[in-house]
Protein backbone atom coordinates (compact mmCIF):
# COMPACT_ATOMS: atom_id res chain seq x y z
CA MET A 1 -5.98 -22.98 -19.20
CA ASN A 2 -4.54 -21.87 -15.71
CA ILE A 3 -1.38 -21.61 -13.80
CA ARG A 4 -0.98 -22.35 -10.16
CA ARG A 5 1.49 -23.12 -7.91
CA PHE A 6 3.66 -26.51 -7.54
CA ARG A 7 2.83 -28.92 -5.30
CA GLU A 8 5.39 -32.06 -4.31
CA ASP A 9 2.83 -34.58 -6.05
CA ASP A 10 3.54 -32.75 -9.20
CA ALA A 11 7.20 -33.67 -9.20
CA GLY A 12 7.19 -36.85 -11.14
CA ILE A 13 4.86 -35.16 -13.94
CA VAL A 14 6.92 -31.86 -13.92
CA SER A 15 9.99 -34.18 -14.29
CA GLU A 16 8.79 -36.07 -17.16
CA LEU A 17 7.35 -32.90 -18.95
CA ILE A 18 10.98 -31.31 -18.57
CA ILE A 19 12.76 -34.38 -20.19
CA ARG A 20 10.35 -34.59 -23.07
CA THR A 21 10.82 -30.99 -23.86
CA ILE A 22 14.41 -31.25 -23.86
CA ARG A 23 14.71 -34.25 -26.04
CA ILE A 24 12.10 -32.88 -28.69
CA SER A 25 12.75 -28.95 -28.80
CA ASN A 26 16.30 -28.64 -27.40
CA THR A 27 17.98 -31.63 -29.33
CA LYS A 28 17.41 -29.25 -32.69
CA ASP A 29 20.07 -26.75 -31.05
CA TYR A 30 22.46 -29.39 -29.08
CA PRO A 31 24.05 -32.32 -29.61
CA GLU A 32 22.01 -35.55 -28.60
CA ASP A 33 24.27 -36.81 -26.17
CA LEU A 34 24.55 -33.55 -24.47
CA MET A 35 20.93 -33.70 -23.77
CA GLU A 36 20.82 -37.00 -22.90
CA GLU A 37 23.31 -36.22 -20.05
CA LEU A 38 20.95 -33.13 -19.04
CA VAL A 39 17.87 -35.19 -18.84
CA LYS A 40 19.41 -37.95 -16.42
CA THR A 41 19.65 -34.99 -14.04
CA GLU A 42 16.25 -33.67 -14.09
CA THR A 43 14.86 -36.38 -11.55
CA PRO A 44 11.58 -35.93 -9.34
CA GLU A 45 13.79 -35.42 -6.70
CA LYS A 46 15.71 -32.80 -8.26
CA VAL A 47 12.47 -30.86 -9.40
CA THR A 48 11.39 -31.15 -5.58
CA GLY A 49 14.83 -29.59 -4.35
CA ARG A 50 14.82 -26.70 -6.57
CA ALA A 51 11.12 -25.97 -5.76
CA SER A 52 11.90 -25.91 -2.04
CA TRP A 53 14.12 -22.27 -2.51
CA THR A 54 12.27 -21.33 -5.21
CA HIS A 55 8.49 -20.27 -6.21
CA THR A 56 7.80 -23.04 -9.10
CA TYR A 57 4.63 -22.67 -11.09
CA VAL A 58 2.81 -25.11 -13.55
CA VAL A 59 0.33 -24.25 -16.33
CA GLU A 60 -2.80 -26.92 -16.51
CA ASP A 61 -4.86 -27.53 -19.66
CA ASN A 62 -7.87 -29.48 -18.52
CA GLY A 63 -5.98 -30.73 -15.72
CA THR A 64 -3.11 -32.08 -17.51
CA ILE A 65 0.11 -30.09 -16.79
CA ILE A 66 1.78 -28.74 -19.97
CA ALA A 67 4.38 -26.15 -18.57
CA THR A 68 6.67 -25.29 -15.79
CA GLY A 69 9.03 -22.19 -14.58
CA ALA A 70 10.47 -20.99 -11.35
CA VAL A 71 11.70 -17.92 -10.13
CA GLY A 72 14.12 -17.40 -6.81
CA PRO A 73 16.67 -15.34 -5.57
CA TYR A 74 19.86 -14.49 -7.33
CA TRP A 75 22.28 -16.24 -5.09
CA GLY A 76 20.45 -14.88 -2.05
CA LYS A 77 20.27 -11.49 -3.00
CA LEU A 78 17.18 -9.51 -2.10
CA ASP A 79 17.29 -7.39 -4.66
CA GLU A 80 18.06 -9.72 -7.55
CA SER A 81 16.28 -12.71 -8.84
CA SER A 82 16.52 -15.40 -11.37
CA LEU A 83 14.17 -17.17 -13.39
CA PHE A 84 14.45 -21.15 -14.07
CA THR A 85 13.46 -24.34 -15.61
CA ILE A 86 11.14 -22.47 -18.09
CA PHE A 87 9.34 -25.51 -20.38
CA VAL A 88 6.59 -25.94 -22.31
CA LEU A 89 5.29 -29.14 -24.13
CA PRO A 90 6.20 -29.04 -27.72
CA GLU A 91 2.24 -29.03 -28.98
CA TYR A 92 1.59 -25.79 -26.59
CA GLN A 93 4.85 -23.83 -27.85
CA GLY A 94 3.82 -20.66 -29.80
CA LYS A 95 0.24 -20.49 -28.00
CA GLY A 96 1.08 -17.97 -25.41
CA VAL A 97 1.80 -20.49 -22.53
CA GLY A 98 5.46 -19.18 -22.28
CA ARG A 99 4.36 -15.72 -21.74
CA LEU A 100 1.77 -16.64 -19.47
CA ILE A 101 4.77 -18.16 -17.21
CA ILE A 102 7.14 -15.38 -17.84
CA ASN A 103 4.15 -12.93 -16.67
CA THR A 104 3.04 -14.74 -13.67
CA LEU A 105 6.77 -15.32 -12.59
CA GLU A 106 7.63 -11.37 -13.07
CA ASN A 107 4.87 -10.72 -10.82
CA ASP A 108 5.72 -12.81 -8.06
CA GLU A 109 7.33 -11.71 -4.86
CA TYR A 110 10.96 -12.73 -5.85
CA ALA A 111 10.68 -10.71 -8.95
CA LEU A 112 8.49 -7.49 -7.58
CA ARG A 113 11.27 -7.02 -5.19
CA ALA A 114 14.08 -7.38 -7.79
CA LYS A 115 16.08 -4.45 -9.66
CA ARG A 116 17.46 -6.85 -12.00
CA ILE A 117 16.43 -10.38 -13.03
CA GLU A 118 18.51 -12.70 -14.90
CA ILE A 119 17.71 -16.05 -16.80
CA PRO A 120 20.05 -18.78 -17.93
CA ALA A 121 18.60 -19.21 -21.68
CA SER A 122 19.44 -22.24 -24.04
CA ILE A 123 19.82 -21.33 -27.58
CA THR A 124 16.49 -22.70 -28.26
CA GLY A 125 14.62 -20.30 -25.84
CA LEU A 126 17.01 -17.23 -26.82
CA PRO A 127 14.64 -15.59 -29.49
CA PHE A 128 11.73 -15.97 -26.92
CA TYR A 129 13.18 -14.59 -23.94
CA ARG A 130 14.49 -11.66 -26.17
CA LYS A 131 10.91 -10.78 -27.20
CA MET A 132 10.02 -10.82 -23.53
CA GLY A 133 12.34 -7.63 -23.06
CA TYR A 134 15.60 -9.52 -21.99
CA ASP A 135 18.87 -8.63 -23.07
CA PHE A 136 22.43 -10.22 -22.61
CA LYS A 137 24.29 -9.67 -19.57
CA ASP A 138 26.92 -7.10 -19.67
CA GLY A 139 26.47 -7.06 -23.47
CA ASN A 140 27.68 -10.70 -23.78
CA ASP A 141 26.36 -12.56 -26.44
CA GLN A 142 28.13 -15.66 -26.20
CA ILE A 143 27.57 -18.99 -24.67
CA ASP A 144 28.86 -19.75 -21.46
CA GLU A 145 30.43 -23.20 -20.04
CA GLU A 146 27.03 -24.39 -19.66
CA HIS A 147 25.92 -23.90 -23.10
CA LEU A 148 23.63 -20.95 -21.80
CA TYR A 149 23.30 -17.36 -22.69
CA ARG A 150 23.08 -15.19 -19.64
CA LEU A 151 20.26 -12.51 -20.09
CA GLU A 152 18.91 -10.16 -17.88
CA LYS A 153 16.17 -7.39 -17.52
CA PHE A 154 16.34 -4.45 -15.23
CA LYS A 155 13.11 -3.01 -14.01
CA PRO A 156 11.89 -0.18 -11.42
CA VAL A 157 11.21 -1.90 -7.55
CA GLU A 158 7.87 -2.44 -7.03
CA ALA A 159 8.24 -4.21 -3.58
CA LEU A 160 10.60 -3.39 -0.67
CA VAL A 161 12.16 -6.08 1.52
CA THR A 162 14.15 -6.49 4.63
CA GLU A 163 14.91 -9.49 7.24
CA ARG A 164 11.72 -10.73 7.83
CA LEU A 165 9.60 -8.38 5.56
CA TYR A 166 7.95 -7.83 2.54
CA LEU A 167 6.54 -4.35 1.57
CA ARG A 168 4.29 -4.52 -1.71
CA HIS A 169 1.47 -2.28 -3.11
CA TRP A 170 -2.04 -3.17 -2.24
CA ARG A 171 -4.66 -5.26 -4.19
CA GLU A 172 -8.27 -5.58 -4.30
CA SER A 173 -7.84 -9.14 -3.17
CA ASP A 174 -6.39 -7.80 0.07
CA ALA A 175 -9.85 -6.50 1.50
CA GLU A 176 -10.40 -9.75 3.68
CA ALA A 177 -6.92 -9.53 5.32
CA MET A 178 -7.45 -5.80 5.87
CA TYR A 179 -10.89 -6.40 7.47
CA LYS A 180 -9.05 -8.98 9.41
CA TYR A 181 -7.04 -6.65 11.65
CA CYS A 182 -9.07 -3.24 10.85
CA GLN A 183 -12.13 -4.41 12.73
CA ASP A 184 -10.18 -4.52 16.09
CA PRO A 185 -11.12 -1.34 18.02
CA ASP A 186 -7.51 -1.45 19.26
CA VAL A 187 -6.09 -0.74 15.95
CA GLY A 188 -7.92 2.04 14.01
CA PRO A 189 -9.10 4.62 16.74
CA ILE A 190 -5.78 5.04 18.24
CA ALA A 191 -4.35 6.25 14.78
CA GLY A 192 -7.30 8.43 14.17
CA TRP A 193 -9.94 6.17 12.35
CA PRO A 194 -13.02 3.88 13.46
CA PRO A 195 -12.98 0.05 13.13
CA HIS A 196 -13.94 -1.21 9.96
CA LYS A 197 -17.46 -2.28 9.88
CA ASN A 198 -17.33 -4.95 7.10
CA ILE A 199 -15.07 -6.18 4.07
CA ASP A 200 -16.66 -3.63 1.71
CA GLU A 201 -15.53 -0.75 3.89
CA SER A 202 -11.79 -2.24 3.64
CA ARG A 203 -12.39 -2.80 -0.12
CA TYR A 204 -13.30 0.84 -0.25
CA VAL A 205 -10.25 1.93 1.90
CA ILE A 206 -7.60 0.00 -0.37
CA ALA A 207 -9.01 1.66 -3.61
CA ASN A 208 -9.08 5.00 -2.09
CA VAL A 209 -7.32 5.54 0.68
CA VAL A 210 -4.19 3.51 0.80
CA ASN A 211 -3.91 3.85 -3.12
CA GLY A 212 -1.05 6.40 -2.96
CA LYS A 213 2.36 5.63 -4.92
CA GLU A 214 4.24 4.85 -1.82
CA ALA A 215 1.75 3.00 0.02
CA TYR A 216 2.58 -0.43 0.93
CA ALA A 217 0.96 -3.72 2.48
CA ILE A 218 3.15 -5.02 5.38
CA CYS A 219 3.64 -8.91 4.58
CA LEU A 220 5.90 -11.43 6.51
CA ARG A 221 8.35 -12.83 3.93
CA GLU A 222 7.25 -16.13 4.20
CA THR A 223 3.41 -15.37 3.20
CA ASP A 224 1.72 -12.74 0.48
CA ASP A 225 -1.13 -11.71 3.57
CA PRO A 226 -0.77 -8.42 4.62
CA ILE A 227 -0.55 -7.67 8.33
CA GLY A 228 -0.45 -3.96 8.41
CA CYS A 229 -0.03 -0.87 6.52
CA ILE A 230 2.74 1.57 5.90
CA GLU A 231 2.82 4.71 3.58
CA LEU A 232 5.40 7.59 2.99
CA LYS A 233 2.29 10.33 2.07
CA LEU A 234 4.08 12.53 -0.63
CA ASN A 235 3.23 16.21 -1.15
CA GLY A 236 -0.36 16.87 -1.73
CA ARG A 237 -1.39 13.85 0.20
CA SER A 238 0.02 15.00 3.77
CA ASP A 239 -0.93 18.45 6.12
CA MET A 240 2.68 17.83 7.12
CA ALA A 241 4.55 18.05 3.95
CA PHE A 242 4.63 21.35 2.03
CA SER A 243 7.02 20.58 -0.97
CA ASP A 244 8.05 17.85 -3.05
CA ASP A 245 11.56 16.72 -1.00
CA GLU A 246 9.39 15.96 2.24
CA CYS A 247 6.72 13.52 2.98
CA GLU A 248 4.88 12.05 5.97
CA MET A 249 4.99 8.50 7.06
CA GLY A 250 1.89 6.87 8.68
CA TYR A 251 1.21 3.39 9.44
CA TRP A 252 -1.17 0.68 11.16
CA LEU A 253 -0.06 -2.99 12.25
CA GLY A 254 -2.37 -5.91 13.15
CA LYS A 255 -2.53 -6.66 16.88
CA PRO A 256 -1.32 -10.26 16.57
CA PHE A 257 1.99 -8.54 15.62
CA TRP A 258 2.57 -6.00 18.17
CA GLY A 259 5.69 -6.03 20.35
CA GLN A 260 7.68 -7.96 17.63
CA GLY A 261 9.64 -5.02 16.35
CA ILE A 262 7.85 -5.13 13.14
CA MET A 263 6.83 -1.57 12.54
CA PRO A 264 10.48 -0.12 13.34
CA GLU A 265 11.82 -2.62 10.75
CA ALA A 266 9.22 -1.65 8.05
CA GLY A 267 9.83 1.80 9.18
CA LYS A 268 13.35 1.81 8.66
CA GLU A 269 13.42 0.47 5.27
CA LEU A 270 10.68 3.31 4.09
CA VAL A 271 12.81 5.86 5.55
CA ARG A 272 16.04 4.43 3.58
CA HIS A 273 13.88 4.21 0.41
CA GLY A 274 12.58 7.78 1.10
CA PHE A 275 15.89 9.38 1.18
CA GLU A 276 18.01 7.02 -1.21
CA ASP A 277 15.42 5.98 -3.66
CA LEU A 278 13.00 9.03 -3.73
CA GLY A 279 15.42 12.11 -2.95
CA MET A 280 13.58 13.39 0.12
CA LYS A 281 14.92 15.71 2.48
CA ARG A 282 12.64 15.41 5.36
CA ILE A 283 10.21 12.65 6.50
CA TRP A 284 7.85 13.64 9.24
CA CYS A 285 5.46 11.57 11.54
CA GLY A 286 3.16 12.01 14.11
CA TYR A 287 0.99 10.29 16.75
CA TYR A 288 -1.92 11.03 19.38
CA ASP A 289 -1.59 11.65 23.01
CA GLY A 290 -1.57 8.05 24.78
CA ASN A 291 -0.27 6.36 21.71
CA ILE A 292 2.70 5.10 23.46
CA LYS A 293 3.80 2.25 21.26
CA SER A 294 3.63 4.68 18.02
CA LYS A 295 5.99 6.73 20.01
CA ARG A 296 8.25 4.27 20.68
CA ALA A 297 8.34 2.95 17.13
CA GLN A 298 9.21 6.46 15.73
CA GLU A 299 12.01 6.77 18.19
CA LYS A 300 13.56 3.38 17.33
CA ILE A 301 13.00 4.25 13.31
CA GLY A 302 15.06 7.39 13.96
CA PHE A 303 12.56 10.28 14.34
CA ILE A 304 13.10 13.07 16.63
CA TYR A 305 10.79 14.85 18.60
CA GLN A 306 9.58 18.55 17.18
CA TRP A 307 6.55 19.70 18.92
CA THR A 308 3.28 19.49 20.75
CA SER A 309 0.02 20.54 19.24
CA GLU A 310 -3.24 21.00 21.08
CA SER A 311 -6.65 20.52 20.08
CA VAL A 312 -5.63 18.88 16.76
CA ASP A 313 -8.81 18.02 14.52
CA VAL A 314 -9.22 14.15 14.09
CA PRO A 315 -12.11 14.23 11.47
CA LEU A 316 -12.93 10.50 10.98
CA MET A 317 -13.40 10.28 15.08
CA ASN A 318 -15.47 13.49 15.37
CA GLU A 319 -13.09 14.68 18.26
CA THR A 320 -10.11 16.74 19.03
CA ARG A 321 -6.69 15.29 20.47
CA ARG A 322 -3.18 16.46 21.55
CA GLY A 323 -0.66 15.56 19.13
CA PHE A 324 3.13 15.12 18.92
CA VAL A 325 5.14 15.63 15.52
CA SER A 326 8.45 13.92 14.74
CA LEU A 327 11.12 14.63 12.15
CA ILE A 328 13.76 12.81 10.54
CA THR A 329 16.07 14.83 8.13
CA ILE A 330 18.47 13.49 5.46
CA GLU A 331 21.19 14.62 7.74
CA ASP A 332 19.69 12.71 10.58
CA TYR A 333 19.46 9.45 8.45
CA ARG A 334 23.31 10.13 7.22
CA LYS A 335 24.54 10.60 10.74
CA ALA A 336 22.72 7.51 12.03
CA LYS A 337 24.02 5.42 9.12
CA GLU A 338 27.50 6.45 9.73
CA ASN A 339 27.28 5.68 13.32
CA GLU A 340 25.90 1.96 12.43
CA GLN A 341 28.77 1.64 9.91
CA SER A 342 31.28 2.79 12.21
CA ALA A 343 30.01 0.38 14.63
CA GLU A 344 30.35 -2.73 12.61
């Protein structure tokens, strides 16, 4: 059994799967005439249309589609998501297929970025979704006008989202994407580390360097492939932070994406996260002499220059450099936020 993303040529089979499941399973809990009205709407065209604004998945058993489910934004919100159209063929129910779908949907981009996930649950599906940790929305255990229960689950945010970007934790499977950009001699050395020699080195870095609690792969929202990295180095992982309410920001970005405002966009979101979600009071950042792009990115994020250090050790490059240190405080952040709001 395997689960994969929906393809457009699956639409007919998925439509038939949904209709058959409704007629066999849901008619046990709903009037037959109501279910027949529902199946009229579950056409291949509707299935394809739904997949255009959700991430839809199918489960296969020996090449035959036996189940489906989808996840998407809750009314366009970045930090709330919904699960949709979860159906398992009757003969496969009770065999862990539904759990496989839920686990997959909850690990999708839309769910990882969400603080809250909602699901419209049928009478038939209610016991299963309750077992999966979903509770009645706002404590309301009554069926709504669509003959459904509204369930929800709150969860810690595992990803951060901006207008164009999706920041998530690194995975071992990202090694190839990391190597693609980190082998470039224009990316690492200017930040203080040598180009990666092979994919195994990138794999090591993912496991042992960018493994911090607040280390994120920078992805474009339309993909799940890393194009850069950004981290808030907490106390103990930084030589700038000396208390639990301060940290250091570090980052790099693949060369094809320079000059597009991506790092300021990612940096502003991580600064927001640091102050509003993590309770930081100070966030430090630095760059080496000659790294003008990093200097400009820090200024756009809101960092303020503090001092220059001569002869800074750069151990990975076996040399010393001139370094510049910048800082943004919680007071700086709040003032900038007030100015933005007043300008609106």
